[in-house]
Amino acid sequence: MNPQLSPGFLKDLRRPEYTGDNRCLPCTAVNLVLAAALTAAAAVVSPPAAVAVALVSLASIYLRGYLVPGTPELTRRHLPERVLAWFGKSEPRAPVAGTDFDVVSFLDRAAVVVDDGEDVALAPEFQTRLEAAARDLDGEAATRAAAAELLDVDADRLSFVADDAAWRVLLDGSILGRWESRAAFVTDLAADRALAAWSEEWASVPGDARGRTLSAIRACLEACPVCGGEIRLGTESVRSCCREYEVVAATCRGCDARLFETDARAVASVE
C-alpha cells in the first residue's frame, strides 16, 4: 500500500472539528464555489490539470472541511445574514409569544416552581424528586431506557455522542436531538419522570411543549441534579463557525456541565 494513502495518513488529514456533525454548510458552500472557480481557471490551461484541481479540492473539503484557510472568519465577515439564514445560521431570534401552551402557567399551576419575589426557583419537594430521579439514571443502560421512554423509540436504535459543545442523541445513526451536555439530558429525563408522578396534566402536554417545559425547569435549577454542585448563572460570548453572539448560560460549578443556554436577546425581550 502506498504510505501516502494509508488510513493513518488520511486520519492525519481529517479535521473532525470541521467535518461530520460539525461541518458548517455555509463554509462548505463557499469553498465549493472557490473550488469550482479554481477548476474553471485550470481548465483554460489544461483539462487534465482541471480534473486534478477538482479532485484535490473536493478531497480537501471532504476531509478537512475547508479548502481555503480562515474560511470561518471569511464566512462570518462577508456572507450576508440572509445567506446564513438559508443554512440555518442566522442570528437566533427571540421566541414568538402567544403559543398555545403556556409553560410558565403550567409550572406555576402544577406548583413546580415558587416565586420568592426576587427570583423563580424549583419547589423544594420537586427539586428533591428530580434529584432522586436523576440518581436512578446513573449508567448508560438506565439513561438509554429513560431516553427511549421519553422519545418514544426503541432503545436499541439509540446511541449517544458527546463532545465539548454538545450531547447528541442519535436514532439509527442520525441526529435526533442535541442537549448542552449529558447532565442537561439526564436532567430532562429525570424531570420528565418527576413530572409524570407530580402532575396528572403532564401526560396531556403536547410533545413540542414538553421540550420547552423541561428546558424551563433546567433554567430554574439552583443545584446540579447529577453531581449536586452549585449552578452558576451568567452571560458569555459564544462564537460559532459563522457568527458570535451573547448567551445566558447556567453551568455547574462541580462538574462544569452546561445545564442551560439561551440567546441573551430572548431573555431581554421577556424582561
C-alpha atoms as a PDB file:
ATOM      1  CA  MET A   1       0.000   0.000   0.000  1.00  0.00           C
ATOM      2  CA  ASN A   2       1.237   3.453  -0.809  1.00  0.00           C
ATOM      3  CA  PRO A   3       2.091   5.009   2.613  1.00  0.00           C
ATOM      4  CA  GLN A   4       0.833   8.365   1.429  1.00  0.00           C
ATOM      5  CA  LEU A   5      -2.658   6.890   1.001  1.00  0.00           C
ATOM      6  CA  SER A   6      -2.673   4.769   4.161  1.00  0.00           C
ATOM      7  CA  PRO A   7      -5.550   5.084   6.677  1.00  0.00           C
ATOM      8  CA  GLY A   8      -3.146   6.718   9.116  1.00  0.00           C
ATOM      9  CA  PHE A   9      -2.241   9.366   6.574  1.00  0.00           C
ATOM     10  CA  LEU A  10      -5.925  10.087   5.879  1.00  0.00           C
ATOM     11  CA  LYS A  11      -6.583  10.254   9.624  1.00  0.00           C
ATOM     12  CA  ASP A  12      -3.891  12.912   9.962  1.00  0.00           C
ATOM     13  CA  LEU A  13      -5.551  14.934   7.205  1.00  0.00           C
ATOM     14  CA  ARG A  14      -9.015  14.840   8.734  1.00  0.00           C
ATOM     15  CA  ARG A  15     -10.272  17.746  10.834  1.00  0.00           C
ATOM     16  CA  PRO A  16     -13.182  16.317  12.903  1.00  0.00           C
ATOM     17  CA  GLU A  17     -13.901  19.737  14.404  1.00  0.00           C
ATOM     18  CA  TYR A  18     -14.928  20.915  10.924  1.00  0.00           C
ATOM     19  CA  THR A  19     -16.410  17.732   9.398  1.00  0.00           C
ATOM     20  CA  GLY A  20     -19.164  15.243  10.143  1.00  0.00           C
ATOM     21  CA  ASP A  21     -21.772  16.654  12.522  1.00  0.00           C
ATOM     22  CA  ASN A  22     -19.565  19.741  12.945  1.00  0.00           C
ATOM     23  CA  ARG A  23     -19.486  20.580   9.247  1.00  0.00           C
ATOM     24  CA  CYS A  24     -20.675  24.113   8.523  1.00  0.00           C
ATOM     25  CA  LEU A  25     -22.852  24.278   5.416  1.00  0.00           C
ATOM     26  CA  PRO A  26     -22.210  27.980   4.630  1.00  0.00           C
ATOM     27  CA  CYS A  27     -18.454  27.448   4.838  1.00  0.00           C
ATOM     28  CA  THR A  28     -18.699  24.302   2.721  1.00  0.00           C
ATOM     29  CA  ALA A  29     -20.745  26.169   0.106  1.00  0.00           C
ATOM     30  CA  VAL A  30     -18.197  29.000  -0.035  1.00  0.00           C
ATOM     31  CA  ASN A  31     -15.355  26.537  -0.512  1.00  0.00           C
ATOM     32  CA  LEU A  32     -17.197  24.598  -3.218  1.00  0.00           C
ATOM     33  CA  VAL A  33     -17.707  27.835  -5.133  1.00  0.00           C
ATOM     34  CA  LEU A  34     -13.996  28.615  -4.806  1.00  0.00           C
ATOM     35  CA  ALA A  35     -13.123  25.070  -5.883  1.00  0.00           C
ATOM     36  CA  ALA A  36     -15.321  25.458  -8.956  1.00  0.00           C
ATOM     37  CA  ALA A  37     -13.612  28.757  -9.813  1.00  0.00           C
ATOM     38  CA  LEU A  38     -10.141  27.217  -9.470  1.00  0.00           C
ATOM     39  CA  THR A  39     -11.188  24.253 -11.598  1.00  0.00           C
ATOM     40  CA  ALA A  40     -12.568  26.547 -14.302  1.00  0.00           C
ATOM     41  CA  ALA A  41      -9.350  28.577 -14.325  1.00  0.00           C
ATOM     42  CA  ALA A  42      -7.241  25.415 -14.603  1.00  0.00           C
ATOM     43  CA  ALA A  43      -9.419  24.135 -17.441  1.00  0.00           C
ATOM     44  CA  VAL A  44      -8.377  27.107 -19.555  1.00  0.00           C
ATOM     45  CA  VAL A  45      -4.769  25.932 -19.319  1.00  0.00           C
ATOM     46  CA  SER A  46      -5.196  22.161 -19.279  1.00  0.00           C
ATOM     47  CA  PRO A  47      -8.275  19.912 -18.924  1.00  0.00           C
ATOM     48  CA  PRO A  48      -6.262  17.161 -17.141  1.00  0.00           C
ATOM     49  CA  ALA A  49      -4.964  19.777 -14.704  1.00  0.00           C
ATOM     50  CA  ALA A  50      -8.539  20.919 -14.098  1.00  0.00           C
ATOM     51  CA  VAL A  51      -9.535  17.345 -13.184  1.00  0.00           C
ATOM     52  CA  ALA A  52      -6.635  17.155 -10.740  1.00  0.00           C
ATOM     53  CA  VAL A  53      -7.545  20.521  -9.175  1.00  0.00           C
ATOM     54  CA  ALA A  54     -11.166  19.431  -8.811  1.00  0.00           C
ATOM     55  CA  LEU A  55     -10.250  16.121  -7.154  1.00  0.00           C
ATOM     56  CA  VAL A  56      -7.752  17.681  -4.747  1.00  0.00           C
ATOM     57  CA  SER A  57     -10.180  20.487  -3.858  1.00  0.00           C
ATOM     58  CA  LEU A  58     -13.090  18.132  -3.186  1.00  0.00           C
ATOM     59  CA  ALA A  59     -10.883  15.800  -1.157  1.00  0.00           C
ATOM     60  CA  SER A  60      -9.673  18.718   0.962  1.00  0.00           C
ATOM     61  CA  ILE A  61     -13.217  19.938   1.602  1.00  0.00           C
ATOM     62  CA  TYR A  62     -14.400  16.420   2.422  1.00  0.00           C
ATOM     63  CA  LEU A  63     -11.531  15.524   4.760  1.00  0.00           C
ATOM     64  CA  ARG A  64     -10.753  18.896   6.314  1.00  0.00           C
ATOM     65  CA  GLY A  65     -13.976  20.871   5.947  1.00  0.00           C
ATOM     66  CA  TYR A  66     -12.233  23.723   4.123  1.00  0.00           C
ATOM     67  CA  LEU A  67     -10.150  24.352   1.044  1.00  0.00           C
ATOM     68  CA  VAL A  68      -9.105  27.891   1.965  1.00  0.00           C
ATOM     69  CA  PRO A  69      -7.587  28.525   5.422  1.00  0.00           C
ATOM     70  CA  GLY A  70      -9.507  31.005   7.517  1.00  0.00           C
ATOM     71  CA  THR A  71     -12.868  30.145   5.945  1.00  0.00           C
ATOM     72  CA  PRO A  72     -14.903  30.580   9.168  1.00  0.00           C
ATOM     73  CA  GLU A  73     -13.659  34.143   9.577  1.00  0.00           C
ATOM     74  CA  LEU A  74     -14.238  34.913   5.903  1.00  0.00           C
ATOM     75  CA  THR A  75     -17.770  33.495   6.017  1.00  0.00           C
ATOM     76  CA  ARG A  76     -18.599  35.316   9.232  1.00  0.00           C
ATOM     77  CA  ARG A  77     -17.315  38.607   7.858  1.00  0.00           C
ATOM     78  CA  HIS A  78     -18.573  38.586   4.290  1.00  0.00           C
ATOM     79  CA  LEU A  79     -21.683  36.406   3.954  1.00  0.00           C
ATOM     80  CA  PRO A  80     -24.927  38.413   4.337  1.00  0.00           C
ATOM     81  CA  GLU A  81     -27.325  37.463   7.131  1.00  0.00           C
ATOM     82  CA  ARG A  82     -29.955  36.360   4.601  1.00  0.00           C
ATOM     83  CA  VAL A  83     -27.482  33.867   3.098  1.00  0.00           C
ATOM     84  CA  LEU A  84     -26.630  32.444   6.510  1.00  0.00           C
ATOM     85  CA  ALA A  85     -30.361  32.104   7.129  1.00  0.00           C
ATOM     86  CA  TRP A  86     -30.662  29.752   4.154  1.00  0.00           C
ATOM     87  CA  PHE A  87     -28.435  27.328   6.043  1.00  0.00           C
ATOM     88  CA  GLY A  88     -29.990  27.901   9.460  1.00  0.00           C
ATOM     89  CA  LYS A  89     -27.033  30.029  10.560  1.00  0.00           C
ATOM     90  CA  SER A  90     -28.765  33.365  11.053  1.00  0.00           C
ATOM     91  CA  GLU A  91     -28.668  35.065  14.407  1.00  0.00           C
ATOM     92  CA  PRO A  92     -31.095  33.487  16.874  1.00  0.00           C
ATOM     93  CA  ARG A  93     -34.338  35.329  17.307  1.00  0.00           C
ATOM     94  CA  ALA A  94     -36.475  35.694  20.367  1.00  0.00           C
ATOM     95  CA  PRO A  95     -39.221  33.070  20.614  1.00  0.00           C
ATOM     96  CA  VAL A  96     -42.575  34.179  19.311  1.00  0.00           C
ATOM     97  CA  ALA A  97     -45.071  34.905  22.040  1.00  0.00           C
ATOM     98  CA  GLY A  98     -48.615  33.582  22.016  1.00  0.00           C
ATOM     99  CA  THR A  99     -48.020  29.839  21.607  1.00  0.00           C
ATOM    100  CA  ASP A 100     -50.919  27.602  22.557  1.00  0.00           C
ATOM    101  CA  PHE A 101     -49.202  26.101  25.603  1.00  0.00           C
ATOM    102  CA  ASP A 102     -48.033  28.487  28.322  1.00  0.00           C
ATOM    103  CA  VAL A 103     -45.038  26.855  30.023  1.00  0.00           C
ATOM    104  CA  VAL A 104     -44.863  29.384  32.857  1.00  0.00           C
ATOM    105  CA  SER A 105     -48.542  28.995  33.667  1.00  0.00           C
ATOM    106  CA  PHE A 106     -48.217  25.216  33.715  1.00  0.00           C
ATOM    107  CA  LEU A 107     -45.216  25.248  36.053  1.00  0.00           C
ATOM    108  CA  ASP A 108     -46.991  27.684  38.356  1.00  0.00           C
ATOM    109  CA  ARG A 109     -50.302  25.809  38.208  1.00  0.00           C
ATOM    110  CA  ALA A 110     -48.615  22.493  38.980  1.00  0.00           C
ATOM    111  CA  ALA A 111     -46.623  24.082  41.846  1.00  0.00           C
ATOM    112  CA  VAL A 112     -43.352  23.011  40.230  1.00  0.00           C
ATOM    113  CA  VAL A 113     -41.831  26.454  40.809  1.00  0.00           C
ATOM    114  CA  VAL A 114     -42.035  29.007  43.600  1.00  0.00           C
ATOM    115  CA  ASP A 115     -41.551  32.771  43.405  1.00  0.00           C
ATOM    116  CA  ASP A 116     -39.850  34.402  46.372  1.00  0.00           C
ATOM    117  CA  GLY A 117     -40.406  37.885  44.982  1.00  0.00           C
ATOM    118  CA  GLU A 118     -36.906  38.210  43.573  1.00  0.00           C
ATOM    119  CA  ASP A 119     -36.453  35.029  41.586  1.00  0.00           C
ATOM    120  CA  VAL A 120     -38.211  31.859  40.474  1.00  0.00           C
ATOM    121  CA  ALA A 121     -36.873  28.515  41.674  1.00  0.00           C
ATOM    122  CA  LEU A 122     -37.998  24.918  41.768  1.00  0.00           C
ATOM    123  CA  ALA A 123     -40.244  23.978  44.662  1.00  0.00           C
ATOM    124  CA  PRO A 124     -38.050  22.173  47.254  1.00  0.00           C
ATOM    125  CA  GLU A 125     -40.123  18.991  47.130  1.00  0.00           C
ATOM    126  CA  PHE A 126     -39.992  18.852  43.347  1.00  0.00           C
ATOM    127  CA  GLN A 127     -36.235  19.517  43.408  1.00  0.00           C
ATOM    128  CA  THR A 128     -35.871  16.529  45.761  1.00  0.00           C
ATOM    129  CA  ARG A 129     -37.884  14.294  43.424  1.00  0.00           C
ATOM    130  CA  LEU A 130     -35.890  15.499  40.442  1.00  0.00           C
ATOM    131  CA  GLU A 131     -32.593  14.712  42.125  1.00  0.00           C
ATOM    132  CA  ALA A 132     -33.828  11.242  43.165  1.00  0.00           C
ATOM    133  CA  ALA A 133     -34.916  10.522  39.591  1.00  0.00           C
ATOM    134  CA  ALA A 134     -31.520  11.695  38.285  1.00  0.00           C
ATOM    135  CA  ARG A 135     -29.712   9.318  40.658  1.00  0.00           C
ATOM    136  CA  ASP A 136     -31.781   6.432  39.284  1.00  0.00           C
ATOM    137  CA  LEU A 137     -30.473   7.269  35.809  1.00  0.00           C
ATOM    138  CA  ASP A 138     -26.825   6.656  36.681  1.00  0.00           C
ATOM    139  CA  GLY A 139     -25.323   4.479  33.983  1.00  0.00           C
ATOM    140  CA  GLU A 140     -25.800   4.198  30.215  1.00  0.00           C
ATOM    141  CA  ALA A 141     -28.367   1.383  30.378  1.00  0.00           C
ATOM    142  CA  ALA A 142     -30.699   3.370  32.638  1.00  0.00           C
ATOM    143  CA  THR A 143     -30.160   6.522  30.576  1.00  0.00           C
ATOM    144  CA  ARG A 144     -30.900   4.684  27.341  1.00  0.00           C
ATOM    145  CA  ALA A 145     -34.097   3.153  28.729  1.00  0.00           C
ATOM    146  CA  ALA A 146     -35.348   6.517  30.003  1.00  0.00           C
ATOM    147  CA  ALA A 147     -34.429   8.198  26.702  1.00  0.00           C
ATOM    148  CA  ALA A 148     -36.370   5.565  24.754  1.00  0.00           C
ATOM    149  CA  GLU A 149     -39.367   6.209  27.009  1.00  0.00           C
ATOM    150  CA  LEU A 150     -39.196   9.995  26.651  1.00  0.00           C
ATOM    151  CA  LEU A 151     -38.546   9.962  22.896  1.00  0.00           C
ATOM    152  CA  ASP A 152     -40.914   7.043  22.247  1.00  0.00           C
ATOM    153  CA  VAL A 153     -38.435   4.953  20.254  1.00  0.00           C
ATOM    154  CA  ASP A 154     -36.768   1.558  20.566  1.00  0.00           C
ATOM    155  CA  ALA A 155     -33.826   1.732  22.982  1.00  0.00           C
ATOM    156  CA  ASP A 156     -31.675  -0.444  20.708  1.00  0.00           C
ATOM    157  CA  ARG A 157     -31.878   2.191  17.995  1.00  0.00           C
ATOM    158  CA  LEU A 158     -30.441   4.933  20.221  1.00  0.00           C
ATOM    159  CA  SER A 159     -26.819   5.955  20.636  1.00  0.00           C
ATOM    160  CA  PHE A 160     -25.086   8.929  22.240  1.00  0.00           C
ATOM    161  CA  VAL A 161     -22.211  11.142  21.121  1.00  0.00           C
ATOM    162  CA  ALA A 162     -20.523  13.674  23.391  1.00  0.00           C
ATOM    163  CA  ASP A 163     -18.082  16.476  22.673  1.00  0.00           C
ATOM    164  CA  ASP A 164     -17.086  19.761  24.270  1.00  0.00           C
ATOM    165  CA  ALA A 165     -20.020  21.633  22.737  1.00  0.00           C
ATOM    166  CA  ALA A 166     -22.985  19.273  22.959  1.00  0.00           C
ATOM    167  CA  TRP A 167     -24.526  15.936  23.847  1.00  0.00           C
ATOM    168  CA  ARG A 168     -26.131  14.357  20.792  1.00  0.00           C
ATOM    169  CA  VAL A 169     -28.777  11.640  20.738  1.00  0.00           C
ATOM    170  CA  LEU A 170     -28.775   9.570  17.562  1.00  0.00           C
ATOM    171  CA  LEU A 171     -31.520   7.348  16.164  1.00  0.00           C
ATOM    172  CA  ASP A 172     -30.154   4.723  13.766  1.00  0.00           C
ATOM    173  CA  GLY A 173     -27.033   6.866  13.422  1.00  0.00           C
ATOM    174  CA  SER A 174     -28.868  10.094  12.547  1.00  0.00           C
ATOM    175  CA  ILE A 175     -29.099  13.010  14.954  1.00  0.00           C
ATOM    176  CA  LEU A 176     -32.422  13.024  16.797  1.00  0.00           C
ATOM    177  CA  GLY A 177     -31.678  15.805  19.262  1.00  0.00           C
ATOM    178  CA  ARG A 178     -28.969  17.922  20.883  1.00  0.00           C
ATOM    179  CA  TRP A 179     -28.510  18.965  24.504  1.00  0.00           C
ATOM    180  CA  GLU A 180     -25.976  21.256  26.145  1.00  0.00           C
ATOM    181  CA  SER A 181     -24.373  18.306  27.976  1.00  0.00           C
ATOM    182  CA  ARG A 182     -25.071  14.821  29.279  1.00  0.00           C
ATOM    183  CA  ALA A 183     -26.064  16.400  32.591  1.00  0.00           C
ATOM    184  CA  ALA A 184     -28.659  18.531  30.780  1.00  0.00           C
ATOM    185  CA  PHE A 185     -30.018  15.450  29.017  1.00  0.00           C
ATOM    186  CA  VAL A 186     -30.198  13.412  32.232  1.00  0.00           C
ATOM    187  CA  THR A 187     -31.920  16.341  33.931  1.00  0.00           C
ATOM    188  CA  ASP A 188     -34.601  16.367  31.222  1.00  0.00           C
ATOM    189  CA  LEU A 189     -35.109  12.622  31.588  1.00  0.00           C
ATOM    190  CA  ALA A 190     -35.350  12.962  35.364  1.00  0.00           C
ATOM    191  CA  ALA A 191     -37.684  15.949  35.141  1.00  0.00           C
ATOM    192  CA  ASP A 192     -39.959  14.027  32.766  1.00  0.00           C
ATOM    193  CA  ARG A 193     -40.242  11.173  35.258  1.00  0.00           C
ATOM    194  CA  ALA A 194     -40.727  13.527  38.181  1.00  0.00           C
ATOM    195  CA  LEU A 195     -43.471  15.448  36.360  1.00  0.00           C
ATOM    196  CA  ALA A 196     -45.282  12.231  35.424  1.00  0.00           C
ATOM    197  CA  ALA A 197     -45.648  11.417  39.123  1.00  0.00           C
ATOM    198  CA  TRP A 198     -46.160  15.037  40.175  1.00  0.00           C
ATOM    199  CA  SER A 199     -48.901  16.243  37.845  1.00  0.00           C
ATOM    200  CA  GLU A 200     -51.665  14.366  36.008  1.00  0.00           C
ATOM    201  CA  GLU A 201     -51.718  17.204  33.464  1.00  0.00           C
ATOM    202  CA  TRP A 202     -48.206  16.354  32.262  1.00  0.00           C
ATOM    203  CA  ALA A 203     -49.486  13.342  30.282  1.00  0.00           C
ATOM    204  CA  SER A 204     -51.631  15.650  28.134  1.00  0.00           C
ATOM    205  CA  VAL A 205     -48.945  18.279  27.453  1.00  0.00           C
ATOM    206  CA  PRO A 206     -48.175  18.388  23.677  1.00  0.00           C
ATOM    207  CA  GLY A 207     -44.861  16.919  22.560  1.00  0.00           C
ATOM    208  CA  ASP A 208     -43.360  20.180  21.308  1.00  0.00           C
ATOM    209  CA  ALA A 209     -44.303  21.938  24.546  1.00  0.00           C
ATOM    210  CA  ARG A 210     -42.657  19.240  26.662  1.00  0.00           C
ATOM    211  CA  GLY A 211     -39.210  20.188  25.427  1.00  0.00           C
ATOM    212  CA  ARG A 212     -39.784  23.858  26.299  1.00  0.00           C
ATOM    213  CA  THR A 213     -41.106  22.877  29.722  1.00  0.00           C
ATOM    214  CA  LEU A 214     -38.136  20.657  30.525  1.00  0.00           C
ATOM    215  CA  SER A 215     -35.769  23.399  29.337  1.00  0.00           C
ATOM    216  CA  ALA A 216     -37.529  25.907  31.602  1.00  0.00           C
ATOM    217  CA  ILE A 217     -37.059  23.578  34.561  1.00  0.00           C
ATOM    218  CA  ARG A 218     -33.323  23.420  33.872  1.00  0.00           C
ATOM    219  CA  ALA A 219     -33.254  27.222  33.803  1.00  0.00           C
ATOM    220  CA  CYS A 220     -34.642  27.256  37.357  1.00  0.00           C
ATOM    221  CA  LEU A 221     -32.079  24.878  38.851  1.00  0.00           C
ATOM    222  CA  GLU A 222     -30.006  26.006  41.810  1.00  0.00           C
ATOM    223  CA  ALA A 223     -28.079  22.739  42.120  1.00  0.00           C
ATOM    224  CA  CYS A 224     -26.959  20.187  39.534  1.00  0.00           C
ATOM    225  CA  PRO A 225     -29.165  17.084  39.743  1.00  0.00           C
ATOM    226  CA  VAL A 226     -26.272  14.906  38.560  1.00  0.00           C
ATOM    227  CA  CYS A 227     -23.463  15.904  40.933  1.00  0.00           C
ATOM    228  CA  GLY A 228     -25.147  18.277  43.384  1.00  0.00           C
ATOM    229  CA  GLY A 229     -22.839  21.156  42.512  1.00  0.00           C
ATOM    230  CA  GLU A 230     -23.909  24.794  42.663  1.00  0.00           C
ATOM    231  CA  ILE A 231     -25.260  26.312  39.464  1.00  0.00           C
ATOM    232  CA  ARG A 232     -23.501  29.409  38.139  1.00  0.00           C
ATOM    233  CA  LEU A 233     -25.689  31.693  36.003  1.00  0.00           C
ATOM    234  CA  GLY A 234     -24.198  34.362  33.789  1.00  0.00           C
ATOM    235  CA  THR A 235     -23.745  35.731  30.288  1.00  0.00           C
ATOM    236  CA  GLU A 236     -20.932  34.956  27.918  1.00  0.00           C
ATOM    237  CA  SER A 237     -19.968  35.352  24.298  1.00  0.00           C
ATOM    238  CA  VAL A 238     -20.358  32.265  22.134  1.00  0.00           C
ATOM    239  CA  ARG A 239     -18.590  32.059  18.801  1.00  0.00           C
ATOM    240  CA  SER A 240     -19.879  29.552  16.311  1.00  0.00           C
ATOM    241  CA  CYS A 241     -18.357  28.908  12.918  1.00  0.00           C
ATOM    242  CA  CYS A 242     -20.118  31.822  11.244  1.00  0.00           C
ATOM    243  CA  ARG A 243     -21.127  34.289  13.946  1.00  0.00           C
ATOM    244  CA  GLU A 244     -20.687  35.498  17.512  1.00  0.00           C
ATOM    245  CA  TYR A 245     -23.462  36.250  19.989  1.00  0.00           C
ATOM    246  CA  GLU A 246     -24.225  36.585  23.705  1.00  0.00           C
ATOM    247  CA  VAL A 247     -25.950  33.814  25.657  1.00  0.00           C
ATOM    248  CA  VAL A 248     -27.341  33.404  29.148  1.00  0.00           C
ATOM    249  CA  ALA A 249     -25.870  30.165  30.473  1.00  0.00           C
ATOM    250  CA  ALA A 250     -26.240  28.022  33.579  1.00  0.00           C
ATOM    251  CA  THR A 251     -23.136  25.958  34.377  1.00  0.00           C
ATOM    252  CA  CYS A 252     -22.444  23.570  37.258  1.00  0.00           C
ATOM    253  CA  ARG A 253     -19.500  24.621  39.419  1.00  0.00           C
ATOM    254  CA  GLY A 254     -18.984  20.984  40.445  1.00  0.00           C
ATOM    255  CA  CYS A 255     -18.846  19.023  37.190  1.00  0.00           C
ATOM    256  CA  ASP A 256     -18.544  22.048  34.857  1.00  0.00           C
ATOM    257  CA  ALA A 257     -21.509  20.789  32.805  1.00  0.00           C
ATOM    258  CA  ARG A 258     -23.609  23.288  30.863  1.00  0.00           C
ATOM    259  CA  LEU A 259     -27.185  22.820  32.088  1.00  0.00           C
ATOM    260  CA  PHE A 260     -28.925  25.566  30.151  1.00  0.00           C
ATOM    261  CA  GLU A 261     -28.155  28.070  27.421  1.00  0.00           C
ATOM    262  CA  THR A 262     -30.300  30.589  25.560  1.00  0.00           C
ATOM    263  CA  ASP A 263     -29.834  33.667  23.433  1.00  0.00           C
ATOM    264  CA  ALA A 264     -29.423  36.698  25.692  1.00  0.00           C
ATOM    265  CA  ARG A 265     -31.681  38.756  23.436  1.00  0.00           C
ATOM    266  CA  ALA A 266     -34.560  36.356  24.060  1.00  0.00           C
ATOM    267  CA  VAL A 267     -34.213  36.895  27.817  1.00  0.00           C
ATOM    268  CA  ALA A 268     -34.043  40.658  27.357  1.00  0.00           C
ATOM    269  CA  SER A 269     -37.232  40.619  25.293  1.00  0.00           C
ATOM    270  CA  VAL A 270     -39.091  38.785  28.057  1.00  0.00           C
ATOM    271  CA  GLU A 271     -37.916  41.254  30.673  1.00  0.00           C
END
